Amino acid sequence: MLSLELEALFCHVDDFCQGFEAQWHKKLLNQGQIKRHRAKSLCLSEMMTILIAFDQNQSRNFKFFYLNQVKQYWSNAFPGLPSYQRFIEWIPSTLIPLCAYLKHCFGTCTGISFIDSTSLKVCHNRRISRHKVFEGLAARGKTSVDWFYGFKLHIVVNEFGQLLNVTLTPGNIDDRQPVTALLSQLRGKIFADRGYVSQKLTAQLLQFGIQFLAKPRRNMNNKLMRLHDKLLSRKRSLIETINDQLKNISQIEHSRHRSPVNFCVNVLCGLIAYCHQPKKPTLQMDWLLSPIT
């Protein structure tokens, strides 16, 4: 029997897949050749549910999770379960649907948003020269703490802890580079840290109706700011808490990947698992909106 949480997850995923699959297959390109599409023993929504449930259960090892949780306790709910090796071979086919489903799970822009990036290490620094899985894709970057080899995950959230947009870049990309694309569909005020300071970027976003507020660097003069905005800028710990939960609860970062596609699937499932998290980090706005006496 499926738990109520897992049953609700499957229903939500299946409702999305019923409308997505038909449109997706219509837009797939082919070379004029007739290809056989053998039906899998699991449908797309079942595979996606299992992958997302892995991150929701905070498991560390997918093989152990599949053999000891899915096979033993969920076999009645998923009667067509294949072997572990066959399921691993099917994982890449879920990449595009997971991308679309993540966007389906995004929250609504409220006019107050926070942007930040976090590193995703794919190997230890001592093994960079021997690492081949992400050769030509990952890059060596630097955080405020240390150097790393991997990628950067850039996220935008609202004050309710809901994801509004995400993107993935190599580790050596400047944090300011993907900002325009990330915020193109948003509005209102965006709060960022010192790494996003740029007069050119601020002026560019202002043309789109976005007020970009980045914390000044230590060697810069402070600018006058409304008290309400200054208080909100001090609440950027909200997005840092979300980054911490994505890494330690949703397990989006580890060094055991053997395929770039499966790495992307793992990140997507971790982000989706967070979107389905019933209790998210939230910024209480009542005291900010009340008049100061």
Protein backbone atom coordinates (compact mmCIF):
# COMPACT_ATOMS: atom_id res chain seq x y z
CA MET A 1 0.00 0.00 0.00
CA LEU A 2 1.15 3.52 -0.78
CA SER A 3 1.24 6.07 2.00
CA LEU A 4 -1.10 9.04 1.68
CA GLU A 5 1.85 11.36 0.89
CA LEU A 6 3.15 9.08 -1.86
CA GLU A 7 -0.34 8.56 -3.27
CA ALA A 8 -0.86 12.33 -3.43
CA LEU A 9 2.52 12.71 -5.15
CA PHE A 10 1.65 10.09 -7.75
CA CYS A 11 -1.75 11.68 -8.47
CA HIS A 12 -0.13 15.10 -8.94
CA VAL A 13 2.58 13.69 -11.23
CA ASP A 14 0.12 11.56 -13.19
CA ASP A 15 -2.25 14.47 -13.79
CA PHE A 16 0.67 16.43 -15.25
CA CYS A 17 1.93 13.53 -17.38
CA GLN A 18 -1.47 12.90 -18.97
CA GLY A 19 -1.44 16.37 -20.48
CA PHE A 20 2.30 16.55 -21.13
CA GLU A 21 3.10 13.24 -22.85
CA ALA A 22 0.76 13.73 -25.80
CA GLN A 23 2.15 17.19 -26.57
CA TRP A 24 5.73 16.05 -25.99
CA HIS A 25 5.59 13.15 -28.45
CA LYS A 26 4.07 15.40 -31.12
CA LYS A 27 7.07 17.75 -30.97
CA LEU A 28 9.79 15.08 -31.01
CA LEU A 29 11.97 15.27 -34.11
CA ASN A 30 12.72 12.20 -36.21
CA GLN A 31 14.78 11.46 -39.31
CA GLY A 32 11.91 10.04 -41.33
CA GLN A 33 12.54 6.53 -40.06
CA ILE A 34 9.97 4.36 -38.34
CA LYS A 35 11.14 3.54 -34.83
CA ARG A 36 9.68 1.00 -32.48
CA HIS A 37 8.55 2.33 -29.14
CA ARG A 38 8.31 -0.66 -26.87
CA ALA A 39 6.04 -0.03 -23.93
CA LYS A 40 7.77 -0.13 -20.56
CA SER A 41 6.36 -2.08 -17.65
CA LEU A 42 6.18 1.22 -15.75
CA CYS A 43 4.52 4.34 -17.10
CA LEU A 44 6.29 7.70 -17.05
CA SER A 45 4.40 8.97 -14.00
CA GLU A 46 5.33 5.83 -12.02
CA MET A 47 9.04 6.24 -12.82
CA MET A 48 8.97 9.93 -11.92
CA THR A 49 7.14 9.20 -8.65
CA ILE A 50 9.78 6.66 -7.59
CA LEU A 51 12.64 9.02 -8.42
CA ILE A 52 11.07 11.95 -6.54
CA ALA A 53 10.13 9.72 -3.58
CA PHE A 54 13.81 8.74 -3.25
CA ASP A 55 14.69 12.36 -2.41
CA GLN A 56 11.63 12.79 -0.21
CA ASN A 57 12.73 9.82 1.91
CA GLN A 58 16.18 11.37 2.44
CA SER A 59 17.83 8.15 1.28
CA ARG A 60 21.53 8.14 0.46
CA ASN A 61 21.77 5.14 -1.84
CA PHE A 62 19.27 4.66 -4.67
CA LYS A 63 20.08 0.98 -5.14
CA PHE A 64 19.34 0.25 -1.48
CA PHE A 65 16.17 2.37 -1.68
CA TYR A 66 14.93 0.59 -4.82
CA LEU A 67 15.65 -2.96 -3.67
CA ASN A 68 14.65 -2.62 -0.01
CA GLN A 69 11.88 -0.02 -0.10
CA VAL A 70 10.29 -0.01 -3.55
CA LYS A 71 10.65 -3.72 -4.34
CA GLN A 72 9.64 -4.98 -0.90
CA TYR A 73 6.93 -2.56 0.21
CA TRP A 74 5.61 -0.88 -2.94
CA SER A 75 5.43 -3.87 -5.28
CA ASN A 76 1.62 -4.01 -5.02
CA ALA A 77 1.30 -0.34 -5.93
CA PHE A 78 3.80 -0.69 -8.82
CA PRO A 79 3.09 -4.19 -10.20
CA GLY A 80 5.36 -3.75 -13.23
CA LEU A 81 8.58 -3.08 -11.30
CA PRO A 82 11.59 -4.12 -13.41
CA SER A 83 15.02 -5.13 -12.16
CA TYR A 84 17.25 -2.45 -10.69
CA GLN A 85 19.54 -2.43 -13.72
CA ARG A 86 16.64 -2.03 -16.15
CA PHE A 87 15.19 0.86 -14.13
CA ILE A 88 18.59 2.61 -14.21
CA GLU A 89 18.55 2.28 -18.01
CA TRP A 90 15.15 4.03 -18.10
CA ILE A 91 16.15 7.02 -15.93
CA PRO A 92 17.49 9.22 -18.82
CA SER A 93 14.07 9.07 -20.50
CA THR A 94 12.60 11.07 -17.58
CA LEU A 95 14.93 14.08 -17.96
CA ILE A 96 12.75 16.26 -20.20
CA PRO A 97 9.46 15.46 -18.39
CA LEU A 98 11.11 16.25 -15.05
CA CYS A 99 12.26 19.64 -16.39
CA ALA A 100 8.72 20.47 -17.46
CA TYR A 101 7.22 19.15 -14.22
CA LEU A 102 9.60 21.25 -12.10
CA LYS A 103 8.40 24.37 -13.88
CA HIS A 104 4.83 23.20 -13.22
CA CYS A 105 5.69 23.10 -9.48
CA PHE A 106 7.04 26.67 -9.30
CA GLY A 107 5.31 29.12 -6.99
CA THR A 108 3.82 32.53 -7.81
CA CYS A 109 5.77 35.77 -7.82
CA THR A 110 4.49 38.03 -5.04
CA GLY A 111 6.68 41.06 -5.73
CA ILE A 112 9.29 40.12 -3.09
CA SER A 113 11.97 37.64 -4.15
CA PHE A 114 15.43 36.49 -3.14
CA ILE A 115 18.18 35.20 -5.43
CA ASP A 116 21.29 33.22 -4.55
CA SER A 117 23.63 30.53 -5.87
CA THR A 118 25.17 27.48 -4.24
CA SER A 119 27.96 25.17 -5.31
CA LEU A 120 27.35 21.57 -6.37
CA LYS A 121 30.59 19.63 -6.04
CA VAL A 122 30.95 16.55 -8.24
CA CYS A 123 34.28 15.34 -6.85
CA HIS A 124 36.91 16.12 -4.24
CA ASN A 125 39.51 18.71 -5.23
CA ARG A 126 42.27 16.10 -5.03
CA ARG A 127 40.57 14.04 -7.74
CA ILE A 128 39.95 16.83 -10.26
CA SER A 129 42.76 15.72 -12.58
CA ARG A 130 41.40 12.16 -12.65
CA HIS A 131 37.71 13.04 -12.93
CA LYS A 132 36.24 12.15 -16.35
CA VAL A 133 32.45 12.00 -15.91
CA PHE A 134 31.90 15.77 -16.22
CA GLU A 135 34.93 16.57 -18.37
CA GLY A 136 34.12 19.61 -20.50
CA LEU A 137 30.96 20.36 -18.49
CA ALA A 138 31.97 21.09 -14.90
CA ALA A 139 34.53 23.72 -13.96
CA ARG A 140 36.52 24.83 -10.95
CA GLY A 141 34.93 27.70 -9.07
CA LYS A 142 35.29 29.56 -5.80
CA THR A 143 32.82 30.27 -3.03
CA SER A 144 33.26 32.50 0.00
CA VAL A 145 34.58 29.43 1.84
CA ASP A 146 36.81 27.47 -0.54
CA TRP A 147 37.41 26.21 -4.07
CA PHE A 148 35.29 23.46 -5.62
CA TYR A 149 34.91 21.50 -8.86
CA GLY A 150 31.42 21.20 -10.27
CA PHE A 151 28.45 23.44 -10.97
CA LYS A 152 26.52 26.35 -9.53
CA LEU A 153 22.81 26.13 -8.86
CA HIS A 154 21.10 29.54 -9.09
CA ILE A 155 17.64 29.79 -7.52
CA VAL A 156 15.02 32.49 -7.00
CA VAL A 157 12.41 32.15 -4.24
CA ASN A 158 9.58 34.24 -2.81
CA GLU A 159 9.01 35.03 0.87
CA PHE A 160 6.98 31.82 1.27
CA GLY A 161 9.99 29.67 0.35
CA GLN A 162 8.53 28.67 -3.02
CA LEU A 163 10.87 28.25 -6.00
CA LEU A 164 10.26 30.76 -8.78
CA ASN A 165 13.08 29.86 -11.18
CA VAL A 166 16.31 27.86 -11.28
CA THR A 167 19.27 27.38 -13.59
CA LEU A 168 22.51 25.43 -13.58
CA THR A 169 25.89 26.77 -14.74
CA PRO A 170 29.53 25.60 -14.59
CA GLY A 171 31.32 26.49 -11.39
CA ASN A 172 33.43 29.26 -12.94
CA ILE A 173 30.48 31.36 -14.20
CA ASP A 174 29.95 34.74 -12.56
CA ASP A 175 26.81 34.82 -10.41
CA ARG A 176 25.57 37.90 -12.28
CA GLN A 177 25.63 36.30 -15.73
CA PRO A 178 22.37 34.26 -15.57
CA VAL A 179 20.43 36.87 -13.56
CA THR A 180 18.64 38.48 -16.53
CA ALA A 181 17.31 35.14 -17.80
CA LEU A 182 16.31 34.04 -14.29
CA LEU A 183 14.32 37.21 -13.57
CA SER A 184 12.83 37.81 -17.02
CA GLN A 185 9.33 36.65 -15.96
CA LEU A 186 9.36 38.18 -12.47
CA ARG A 187 8.47 41.60 -11.07
CA GLY A 188 8.87 43.70 -7.96
CA LYS A 189 11.89 43.71 -5.66
CA ILE A 190 14.73 41.18 -5.82
CA PHE A 191 17.19 40.94 -2.92
CA ALA A 192 20.70 39.57 -3.44
CA ASP A 193 24.06 39.38 -1.68
CA ARG A 194 27.35 41.16 -2.40
CA GLY A 195 28.24 38.85 -5.27
CA TYR A 196 25.51 40.40 -7.45
CA VAL A 197 26.56 44.06 -7.10
CA SER A 198 26.51 45.67 -10.55
CA GLN A 199 25.28 49.12 -11.58
CA LYS A 200 24.86 47.94 -15.17
CA LEU A 201 22.75 44.95 -14.12
CA THR A 202 20.64 47.07 -11.77
CA ALA A 203 19.92 49.60 -14.50
CA GLN A 204 19.11 46.87 -17.01
CA LEU A 205 16.63 45.16 -14.70
CA LEU A 206 15.02 48.49 -13.81
CA GLN A 207 13.96 48.80 -17.46
CA PHE A 208 11.93 45.61 -16.99
CA GLY A 209 10.24 46.94 -13.86
CA ILE A 210 12.48 45.02 -11.45
CA GLN A 211 14.09 46.76 -8.49
CA PHE A 212 17.33 44.86 -7.85
CA LEU A 213 18.70 45.38 -4.33
CA ALA A 214 22.14 43.89 -3.66
CA LYS A 215 24.00 44.24 -0.39
CA PRO A 216 26.96 46.64 -0.90
CA ARG A 217 30.49 45.36 -0.62
CA ARG A 218 32.64 46.29 2.36
CA ASN A 219 34.70 48.78 0.36
CA MET A 220 31.61 50.57 -0.99
CA ASN A 221 29.74 53.48 0.51
CA ASN A 222 26.32 52.70 1.91
CA LYS A 223 23.36 54.01 -0.06
CA LEU A 224 20.14 55.34 1.37
CA MET A 225 17.50 52.61 1.48
CA ARG A 226 13.94 52.53 2.71
CA LEU A 227 13.60 50.96 6.15
CA HIS A 228 11.24 48.31 4.80
CA ASP A 229 13.77 47.29 2.12
CA LYS A 230 16.64 47.30 4.60
CA LEU A 231 14.75 44.97 6.92
CA LEU A 232 13.94 42.64 4.05
CA SER A 233 17.55 42.58 2.88
CA ARG A 234 18.54 41.32 6.31
CA LYS A 235 16.23 38.32 5.84
CA ARG A 236 18.28 36.74 3.07
CA SER A 237 18.97 33.86 5.45
CA LEU A 238 15.68 32.47 4.09
CA ILE A 239 17.24 31.46 0.77
CA GLU A 240 20.40 30.22 2.48
CA THR A 241 18.23 27.92 4.60
CA ILE A 242 16.60 26.62 1.41
CA ASN A 243 20.01 25.91 -0.14
CA ASP A 244 20.96 24.00 3.00
CA GLN A 245 17.77 21.91 2.86
CA LEU A 246 18.29 21.15 -0.83
CA LYS A 247 21.73 19.74 -0.08
CA ASN A 248 21.11 17.97 3.22
CA ILE A 249 17.48 16.85 2.86
CA SER A 250 16.88 16.58 -0.88
CA GLN A 251 20.45 15.30 -1.52
CA ILE A 252 21.10 17.31 -4.69
CA GLU A 253 24.87 17.23 -4.07
CA HIS A 254 27.04 14.12 -3.95
CA SER A 255 30.13 12.78 -5.74
CA ARG A 256 28.82 9.36 -6.84
CA HIS A 257 27.47 10.33 -10.25
CA ARG A 258 28.48 8.21 -13.21
CA SER A 259 26.49 10.06 -15.86
CA PRO A 260 25.79 13.77 -16.55
CA VAL A 261 22.17 12.94 -17.42
CA ASN A 262 21.61 11.11 -14.15
CA PHE A 263 23.21 14.05 -12.34
CA CYS A 264 20.62 16.39 -13.88
CA VAL A 265 17.82 13.97 -13.00
CA ASN A 266 19.02 13.87 -9.39
CA VAL A 267 19.10 17.67 -9.15
CA LEU A 268 15.65 17.98 -10.72
CA CYS A 269 14.13 15.37 -8.41
CA GLY A 270 15.67 17.07 -5.39
CA LEU A 271 14.18 20.42 -6.41
CA ILE A 272 10.78 18.82 -7.04
CA ALA A 273 10.91 17.01 -3.70
CA TYR A 274 11.50 20.39 -2.05
CA CYS A 275 8.54 21.90 -3.93
CA HIS A 276 6.32 19.15 -2.47
CA GLN A 277 7.69 19.70 1.02
CA PRO A 278 4.66 20.56 3.18
CA LYS A 279 6.53 22.95 5.48
CA LYS A 280 8.98 25.30 3.80
CA PRO A 281 11.13 28.08 5.29
CA THR A 282 8.88 31.14 5.34
CA LEU A 283 9.43 34.81 6.03
CA GLN A 284 6.84 36.20 8.44
CA MET A 285 5.77 39.53 6.95
CA ASP A 286 3.32 40.79 9.59
CA TRP A 287 5.90 42.66 11.65
CA LEU A 288 7.39 44.20 8.50
CA LEU A 289 4.06 45.46 7.24
CA SER A 290 2.85 46.83 10.57
CA PRO A 291 3.49 50.54 11.25
CA ILE A 292 6.50 51.36 13.38
CA THR A 293 5.64 53.04 16.71
